[in-house]
Protein backbone atom coordinates (compact mmCIF):
# COMPACT_ATOMS: atom_id res chain seq x y z
CA LEU A 1 61.33 143.59 87.25
CA TYR A 2 60.82 140.13 88.79
CA GLY A 3 58.50 139.16 85.91
CA LYS A 4 61.08 140.29 83.34
CA SER A 5 63.73 138.24 85.10
CA ILE A 6 61.55 135.13 84.89
CA LEU A 7 60.85 135.86 81.22
CA VAL A 8 64.57 136.12 80.46
CA GLU A 9 65.19 132.75 82.13
CA GLU A 10 62.38 131.12 80.16
CA ILE A 11 63.66 132.57 76.87
CA ASN A 12 67.20 131.42 77.69
CA ASP A 13 65.90 127.91 78.43
CA ILE A 14 64.05 127.79 75.09
CA LEU A 15 67.04 129.14 73.18
CA SER A 16 69.43 126.81 74.98
CA LYS A 17 67.31 123.82 73.96
CA SER A 18 67.21 125.03 70.35
CA ILE A 19 70.96 125.55 70.32
CA THR A 20 71.55 122.15 71.90
CA ASP A 21 69.35 120.47 69.28
CA TYR A 22 71.23 122.29 66.51
CA ILE A 23 74.57 121.20 67.96
CA LYS A 24 73.47 117.57 68.14
CA GLU A 25 72.00 117.54 64.64
CA ASN A 26 75.18 119.04 63.15
CA LYS A 27 77.51 117.00 65.38
CA ILE A 28 79.37 120.07 66.58
CA LYS A 29 81.88 119.13 69.26
CA LEU A 30 81.71 121.44 72.25
CA ILE A 31 83.22 121.67 75.68
CA GLY A 32 80.51 121.95 78.29
CA GLU A 33 77.39 123.82 77.17
CA PRO A 34 76.68 127.24 75.59
CA LEU A 35 76.77 130.09 78.12
CA PRO A 36 74.32 133.00 77.66
CA ASN A 37 75.74 136.55 77.74
CA HIS A 38 73.77 137.97 80.68
CA ASP A 39 75.37 141.41 80.32
CA LYS A 40 73.91 141.83 76.84
CA THR A 41 70.52 140.54 77.95
CA ALA A 42 70.48 143.19 80.70
CA THR A 43 70.54 146.01 78.09
CA ILE A 44 67.34 144.88 76.32
CA ASP A 45 64.47 147.38 76.40
CA TRP A 46 61.63 144.94 77.01
CA ASP A 47 58.96 147.66 76.81
CA ASN A 48 59.92 149.14 73.45
CA GLN A 49 62.01 146.64 71.48
CA LYS A 50 60.26 144.35 69.04
CA GLU A 51 63.33 142.40 67.97
CA PHE A 52 65.71 140.81 70.42
CA GLU A 53 69.21 139.51 70.05
CA PHE A 54 70.66 136.93 72.41
CA GLU A 55 74.32 136.05 72.53
CA TYR A 56 75.92 132.79 73.65
CA GLU A 57 79.53 131.83 74.25
CA ILE A 58 80.67 128.35 73.24
CA GLY A 59 83.85 126.35 73.65
CA LEU A 60 84.75 124.52 70.45
CA VAL A 61 86.83 121.35 70.48
CA ALA A 62 89.73 121.67 68.10
CA GLU A 63 90.61 118.70 65.89
CA PHE A 64 93.72 116.82 66.93
CA ASP A 65 95.74 113.83 65.76
CA LEU A 66 96.10 110.86 68.05
CA ASN A 67 98.85 108.26 67.70
CA LEU A 68 98.23 105.17 69.82
CA ALA A 69 101.44 103.47 68.70
CA GLN A 70 103.33 104.48 71.82
CA LYS A 71 105.89 102.47 73.77
CA ILE A 72 105.10 101.97 77.46
CA LYS A 73 107.18 100.30 80.17
CA ALA A 74 104.81 98.67 82.66
CA TYR A 75 105.00 96.12 85.48
CA GLU A 76 103.80 92.62 86.19
CA ILE A 77 103.74 91.70 89.86
CA GLN A 78 104.87 88.27 91.01
CA ALA A 79 104.13 87.20 94.57
CA ASP A 80 107.40 86.23 96.26
CA LYS A 81 107.81 83.82 99.18
CA THR A 82 107.90 86.60 101.78
CA THR A 83 104.60 88.05 100.57
CA ILE A 84 102.95 84.61 100.38
CA ASP A 85 104.15 83.68 103.88
CA LYS A 86 102.88 86.96 105.37
CA THR A 87 99.52 86.51 103.67
CA LEU A 88 99.26 82.93 104.91
CA GLU A 89 99.94 84.03 108.49
CA SER A 90 97.30 86.73 108.16
CA ILE A 91 94.76 84.18 106.84
CA LYS A 92 95.55 81.75 109.67
CA LYS A 93 94.91 84.52 112.19
CA GLN A 94 91.77 85.70 110.39
CA TYR A 95 90.24 82.21 110.61
CA GLY A 96 91.78 81.34 113.96
CA ASN A 97 90.09 80.97 117.35
CA TYR A 98 90.51 82.82 120.61
CA SER A 99 91.56 81.09 123.82
CA GLU A 100 91.90 82.29 127.41
CA PRO A 101 95.27 81.10 128.73
CA ASP A 102 96.45 81.63 132.30
CA GLU A 103 99.81 83.20 131.45
CA VAL A 104 100.65 86.15 129.17
CA GLN A 105 102.70 85.56 126.04
CA GLU A 106 103.82 87.99 123.35
CA GLY A 107 100.87 89.14 121.25
CA ASP A 108 98.16 88.51 123.83
CA ASP A 109 95.33 90.99 124.48
CA LEU A 110 94.51 91.89 128.06
CA MET A 111 91.43 92.99 129.97
CA GLY A 112 91.77 94.28 133.47
CA GLU A 113 91.21 96.97 136.06
CA LEU A 114 93.29 100.14 136.10
CA THR A 115 93.32 101.86 139.46
CA GLN A 116 95.12 104.57 141.39
CA GLU A 117 94.48 104.61 145.12
CA SER A 118 95.65 108.21 145.72
CA SER A 119 93.24 109.72 143.19
CA GLY A 120 90.44 107.20 143.51
CA TYR A 121 90.68 106.39 139.80
CA LYS A 122 89.14 103.05 138.80
CA GLU A 123 88.39 101.90 135.25
CA GLU A 124 88.06 98.55 133.50
CA ILE A 125 90.00 98.65 130.23
CA TRP A 126 90.86 96.40 127.30
CA ILE A 127 94.38 96.54 125.84
CA THR A 128 95.31 94.87 122.54
CA ALA A 129 98.89 93.84 121.84
CA ASN A 130 99.44 96.45 119.10
CA GLN A 131 98.39 99.31 121.39
CA ILE A 132 101.41 99.01 123.71
CA LYS A 133 104.97 100.05 122.94
CA PRO A 134 107.10 96.91 122.31
CA LYS A 135 109.44 97.74 125.23
CA GLU A 136 106.47 98.10 127.60
CA ALA A 137 104.76 94.94 126.27
CA LYS A 138 107.71 92.79 127.38
CA LYS A 139 106.96 93.70 131.02
CA PHE A 140 103.64 91.80 130.80
CA ILE A 141 105.12 88.51 129.50
CA GLY A 142 104.91 85.76 132.11
CA LEU A 143 102.23 87.46 134.20
CA LYS A 144 99.11 85.46 135.09
CA LYS A 145 95.46 86.21 135.68
CA GLU A 146 94.95 88.12 138.94
CA ASP A 147 98.53 89.46 138.78
CA ALA A 148 99.01 93.24 139.02
CA ILE A 149 101.64 95.50 137.45
CA GLU A 150 102.53 99.17 137.97
CA ILE A 151 102.24 101.24 134.74
CA ASP A 152 102.36 104.86 133.62
CA PRO A 153 99.34 105.48 131.32
CA LYS A 154 101.12 108.46 129.75
CA LYS A 155 104.08 106.35 128.58
CA ILE A 156 102.84 102.82 127.90
CA PHE A 157 100.78 103.34 124.73
CA VAL A 158 102.08 103.73 121.17
CA ASP A 159 100.61 107.24 120.79
CA ASP A 160 98.28 109.77 122.44
CA ALA A 161 95.30 108.81 120.29
CA THR A 162 95.60 105.17 121.39
CA ALA A 163 95.87 106.19 125.03
CA SER A 164 92.73 108.30 124.70
CA THR A 165 90.85 105.40 123.05
CA VAL A 166 91.84 102.76 125.60
CA LEU A 167 91.38 104.94 128.69
CA ARG A 168 88.27 106.69 127.31
CA LYS A 169 89.73 110.02 128.42
CA SER A 170 90.63 113.21 126.58
CA ASP A 171 94.27 114.09 125.87
CA GLU A 172 94.04 116.86 128.45
CA GLU A 173 92.69 114.52 131.14
CA ILE A 174 95.49 112.03 130.50
CA LYS A 175 98.12 114.79 130.72
CA ASN A 176 96.84 115.54 134.23
CA PHE A 177 97.51 111.96 135.38
CA LYS A 178 100.25 111.90 138.02
CA GLY A 179 102.28 109.00 139.36
CA SER A 180 101.90 105.30 138.59
CA PHE A 181 98.73 103.25 138.22
CA THR A 182 98.03 99.60 139.01
CA PHE A 183 96.76 97.32 136.26
CA LYS A 184 95.26 94.05 137.49
CA ILE A 185 94.85 91.35 134.82
CA ASN A 186 91.37 89.84 134.80
CA LYS A 187 91.42 88.14 131.40
CA ILE A 188 94.04 87.08 128.85
CA ASN A 189 92.91 86.70 125.24
CA ARG A 190 95.06 84.83 122.73
CA LEU A 191 94.40 84.33 119.04
CA GLU A 192 95.30 80.76 118.08
CA SER A 193 96.11 80.56 114.37
CA ALA A 194 94.03 78.19 112.28
CA GLU A 195 95.60 74.94 111.14
CA ILE A 196 96.32 74.37 107.47
CA ASN A 197 93.67 71.78 106.67
CA GLN A 198 90.57 71.19 104.53
CA GLU A 199 88.45 73.32 106.85
CA LEU A 200 90.71 76.32 106.19
CA PHE A 201 90.79 75.59 102.43
CA ASP A 202 86.98 75.64 102.29
CA LYS A 203 86.70 78.84 104.33
CA VAL A 204 89.15 80.70 102.11
CA PHE A 205 88.29 79.44 98.62
CA GLY A 206 84.92 77.71 98.97
CA GLN A 207 83.77 74.14 99.41
CA ASP A 208 86.21 71.68 97.82
CA ALA A 209 87.77 74.34 95.56
CA VAL A 210 91.16 72.97 96.62
CA LYS A 211 91.86 69.64 98.31
CA SER A 212 95.51 69.71 99.33
CA GLU A 213 98.05 72.07 100.84
CA GLU A 214 99.91 72.15 97.53
CA GLU A 215 96.76 73.21 95.65
CA PHE A 216 95.96 75.73 98.38
CA MET A 217 99.37 77.41 98.17
CA LYS A 218 99.21 77.47 94.37
CA LYS A 219 95.77 79.09 94.38
CA LEU A 220 96.85 81.53 97.10
CA LYS A 221 99.76 82.67 94.92
CA GLU A 222 97.49 82.98 91.85
CA THR A 223 94.91 84.99 93.81
CA LEU A 224 97.54 87.31 95.25
CA GLU A 225 98.99 87.97 91.81
CA GLN A 226 95.55 88.59 90.32
CA ASN A 227 94.80 91.16 93.01
CA TYR A 228 98.20 92.83 92.78
CA ASN A 229 98.01 93.00 89.00
CA LYS A 230 94.65 94.75 89.18
CA GLU A 231 96.59 97.53 90.92
CA ALA A 232 99.35 97.23 88.33
CA LYS A 233 96.82 97.56 85.51
CA THR A 234 95.45 100.76 87.06
CA TYR A 235 99.00 102.09 87.22
CA THR A 236 99.62 101.04 83.60
CA GLN A 237 96.50 102.94 82.61
CA LYS A 238 97.96 106.03 84.27
CA LEU A 239 101.23 105.56 82.36
CA ILE A 240 99.32 105.22 79.08
CA GLN A 241 97.24 108.29 79.88
CA ASP A 242 100.32 110.37 80.69
CA LYS A 243 102.12 109.15 77.57
CA LEU A 244 99.23 109.88 75.21
CA LEU A 245 98.59 113.32 76.70
CA ASP A 246 102.28 114.21 76.52
CA SER A 247 102.52 113.12 72.89
CA THR A 248 99.22 114.66 71.72
CA LYS A 249 98.72 118.36 71.13
CA ILE A 250 95.19 119.26 72.20
CA GLU A 251 94.10 122.89 72.26
CA VAL A 252 91.26 123.76 74.62
CA PRO A 253 89.66 127.16 75.38
CA ASP A 254 90.94 127.52 78.94
CA ALA A 255 89.10 130.78 79.71
CA PHE A 256 85.75 129.45 78.51
CA TYR A 257 86.23 126.12 80.31
CA LYS A 258 86.96 127.90 83.59
CA LYS A 259 83.91 130.13 83.14
CA TRP A 260 81.70 127.12 82.35
CA ILE A 261 82.91 125.19 85.43
CA LEU A 262 82.10 128.14 87.68
CA ALA A 263 78.68 128.66 86.06
CA SER A 264 77.83 124.95 86.34
CA ASN A 265 78.93 124.67 89.97
CA LYS A 266 77.51 127.77 91.61
CA ASP A 267 78.10 127.80 95.37
CA LYS A 268 80.07 124.52 95.05
CA ILE A 269 83.47 125.82 93.98
CA THR A 270 85.22 129.15 94.32
CA GLU A 271 87.35 130.76 91.64
CA GLU A 272 90.33 130.56 93.99
CA ALA A 273 89.87 126.79 94.49
CA LEU A 274 89.41 126.30 90.75
CA ASP A 275 92.59 128.22 89.94
CA LYS A 276 94.51 126.06 92.39
CA ASP A 277 93.35 122.78 90.79
CA PHE A 278 92.73 123.97 87.22
CA GLU A 279 95.66 122.03 85.77
CA ASN A 280 94.01 118.77 86.86
CA TYR A 281 90.67 119.89 85.37
CA ILE A 282 92.41 120.53 82.04
CA LYS A 283 94.14 117.13 82.20
CA GLU A 284 90.82 115.36 82.85
CA LEU A 285 89.18 117.28 80.01
CA LYS A 286 91.92 116.38 77.53
CA TRP A 287 91.80 112.73 78.56
CA SER A 288 88.01 112.65 78.06
CA LEU A 289 88.56 114.09 74.55
CA VAL A 290 91.11 111.35 73.81
CA VAL A 291 88.79 108.62 75.11
CA ASN A 292 85.83 109.94 73.13
CA LYS A 293 87.92 110.17 69.95
CA VAL A 294 89.02 106.54 70.30
CA ALA A 295 85.43 105.43 70.88
CA GLU A 296 84.02 107.40 67.93
CA GLU A 297 86.71 106.49 65.41
CA ASN A 298 86.57 102.80 66.28
CA ASP A 299 82.82 102.46 66.81
CA ILE A 300 83.18 101.33 70.44
CA LYS A 301 79.72 101.12 71.94
CA VAL A 302 78.10 99.81 75.12
CA GLU A 303 74.83 97.91 74.87
CA HIS A 304 72.37 97.17 77.67
CA PRO A 305 73.40 93.48 77.94
CA ASP A 306 77.00 94.65 78.53
CA VAL A 307 75.86 96.70 81.53
CA VAL A 308 73.79 93.84 82.96
CA ALA A 309 76.70 91.40 82.55
CA ALA A 310 79.04 93.79 84.35
CA ALA A 311 76.56 94.22 87.21
CA LYS A 312 76.26 90.44 87.57
CA GLU A 313 80.03 90.04 87.61
CA MET A 314 80.36 92.71 90.30
CA ILE A 315 77.64 91.14 92.45
CA MET A 316 79.15 87.65 92.10
CA ALA A 317 82.56 88.99 93.14
CA GLN A 318 81.06 90.62 96.24
CA PHE A 319 79.27 87.44 97.29
CA ALA A 320 82.36 85.34 96.55
CA SER A 321 84.40 87.52 98.93
CA TYR A 322 82.05 86.32 101.68
CA GLY A 323 82.00 82.72 100.46
CA MET A 324 78.33 82.99 99.46
CA THR A 325 78.26 81.80 95.85
CA GLU A 326 76.10 78.70 96.35
CA ASN A 327 72.74 78.91 94.48
CA MET A 328 73.59 82.48 93.42
CA SER A 329 72.78 81.88 89.75
CA GLU A 330 69.08 81.42 90.56
CA ASN A 331 68.73 84.97 91.91
CA LEU A 332 71.48 86.77 90.01
CA ASP A 333 69.17 88.31 87.39
CA SER A 334 66.91 89.92 90.00
CA PHE A 335 69.90 91.07 92.07
CA ALA A 336 71.41 92.77 89.01
CA GLU A 337 68.11 94.36 88.00
CA ASN A 338 67.50 95.76 91.50
CA TYR A 339 71.04 97.10 91.70
CA LEU A 340 70.92 98.86 88.32
CA GLN A 341 67.57 100.48 89.14
CA GLY A 342 68.80 101.73 92.51
CA ASN A 343 70.13 105.13 93.50
CA ASP A 344 67.79 106.91 91.05
CA GLY A 345 69.51 105.29 88.07
CA GLN A 346 72.97 106.42 89.10
CA ASN A 347 74.08 102.80 89.58
CA TYR A 348 73.22 102.12 85.94
CA MET A 349 75.17 105.15 84.72
CA ASN A 350 78.18 104.31 86.89
CA THR A 351 78.21 100.74 85.56
CA PHE A 352 77.69 101.96 81.98
CA ASN A 353 80.62 104.39 82.26
CA LYS A 354 82.87 101.72 83.76
CA VAL A 355 82.05 99.25 80.98
CA ARG A 356 82.64 101.95 78.37
CA ASN A 357 85.96 102.97 79.90
CA ASP A 358 87.07 99.32 80.15
CA LYS A 359 86.19 98.68 76.47
CA ILE A 360 88.07 101.77 75.32
CA MET A 361 91.09 100.99 77.48
CA ASP A 362 91.17 97.39 76.23
CA PHE A 363 91.26 98.75 72.67
CA ILE A 364 94.07 101.17 73.58
CA TYR A 365 96.00 98.37 75.32
CA ASP A 366 95.95 96.37 72.08
CA LYS A 367 97.36 99.31 70.11
CA VAL A 368 100.01 100.47 72.57
CA ASP A 369 103.36 98.66 72.62
CA ILE A 370 103.69 97.61 76.29
CA SER A 371 106.81 95.91 77.62
CA PHE A 372 106.38 94.35 81.07
CA LYS A 373 108.98 94.05 83.78
CA LYS A 374 108.36 91.45 86.49
CA VAL A 375 108.69 92.86 90.02
CA LYS A 376 107.90 91.86 93.60
CA PRO A 377 105.03 93.55 95.47
CA ASP A 378 107.32 95.67 97.65
CA GLU A 379 109.30 96.79 94.57
CA PHE A 380 106.07 97.86 92.87
CA SER A 381 104.99 99.81 95.96
CA LYS A 382 108.25 101.78 95.84
CA ILE A 383 107.83 102.48 92.12
CA VAL A 384 104.29 103.77 92.59
CA SER A 385 105.17 105.92 95.62
CA ASN A 386 108.05 107.69 93.80
């Protein structure tokens, strides 16, 4: 019986390859791959039959018409003064320096000893400004090193998780705390914001990329808008996808597709989980059919140099984020080659698919009628969240 089972598998593999070759040669569009009818195979009399019949189930892709001339309302994000000012403050803190003042001000971090004489509790802890409730934080302002203050560890922190992290105790242990504790300040840590000068310009944008505060603020605004509009473009792509799917009638063999997913993902997905998320599977399938149709009808292809160029661009962007672009061009080819060969070739396929998707979407963008509305970052966030 075991030998017959192995034989059936080998025959199915041979037949599957033959069928696959036939499908490719005749350019038959299928969903997934042919599925063998195991029930029919089980009725074969291997000892007496001389002729055998194998049956496969396939999911054919129906032809459909695609109209890219759709009207889309999208968004272009403009960085307003509030956003620029907040970002600037964040940058100044990011590149600032820490000092150890003698007196506590708002926003200072504190290190000290938490004790309770009655229970014998004694622990050195570090408290950052954002870990304390604002009302409780005010009680520390004006205190100096070596000063002590009575606190209730169950009430001072913003939430239970923070209390557990700072005190290095479980929620249950903290609940059992009784009475007040004494916190003696041993160290005050203050982040002094960086000054707006050439040193900051170079740290943020690279050596001599900008040489004045005016140039710095202009480039900061441009960079913010570039980053925000990458998000906006992703959202626009979603709008285009939804519009094209809503306006295009695509028939797919749902029952076969569900059966194929389960057969291809044995022990990875249950029928119950698939049923729950099947609508999204169908949406992804239909979108892949749309994308493939656009690529085929417009001869959109990805060549090896395209993949290498994309890998180089990605690597340069990563190094630029750390301010490490100097002399990069000398080693960029080897970096790209090593990256694309890594992860058992998966990095190459991921890059290839991204380049292909970008090329197809760029083509679709040119065909779709997009009208842009200029909005502020917070307005865009509300639009996306609704």
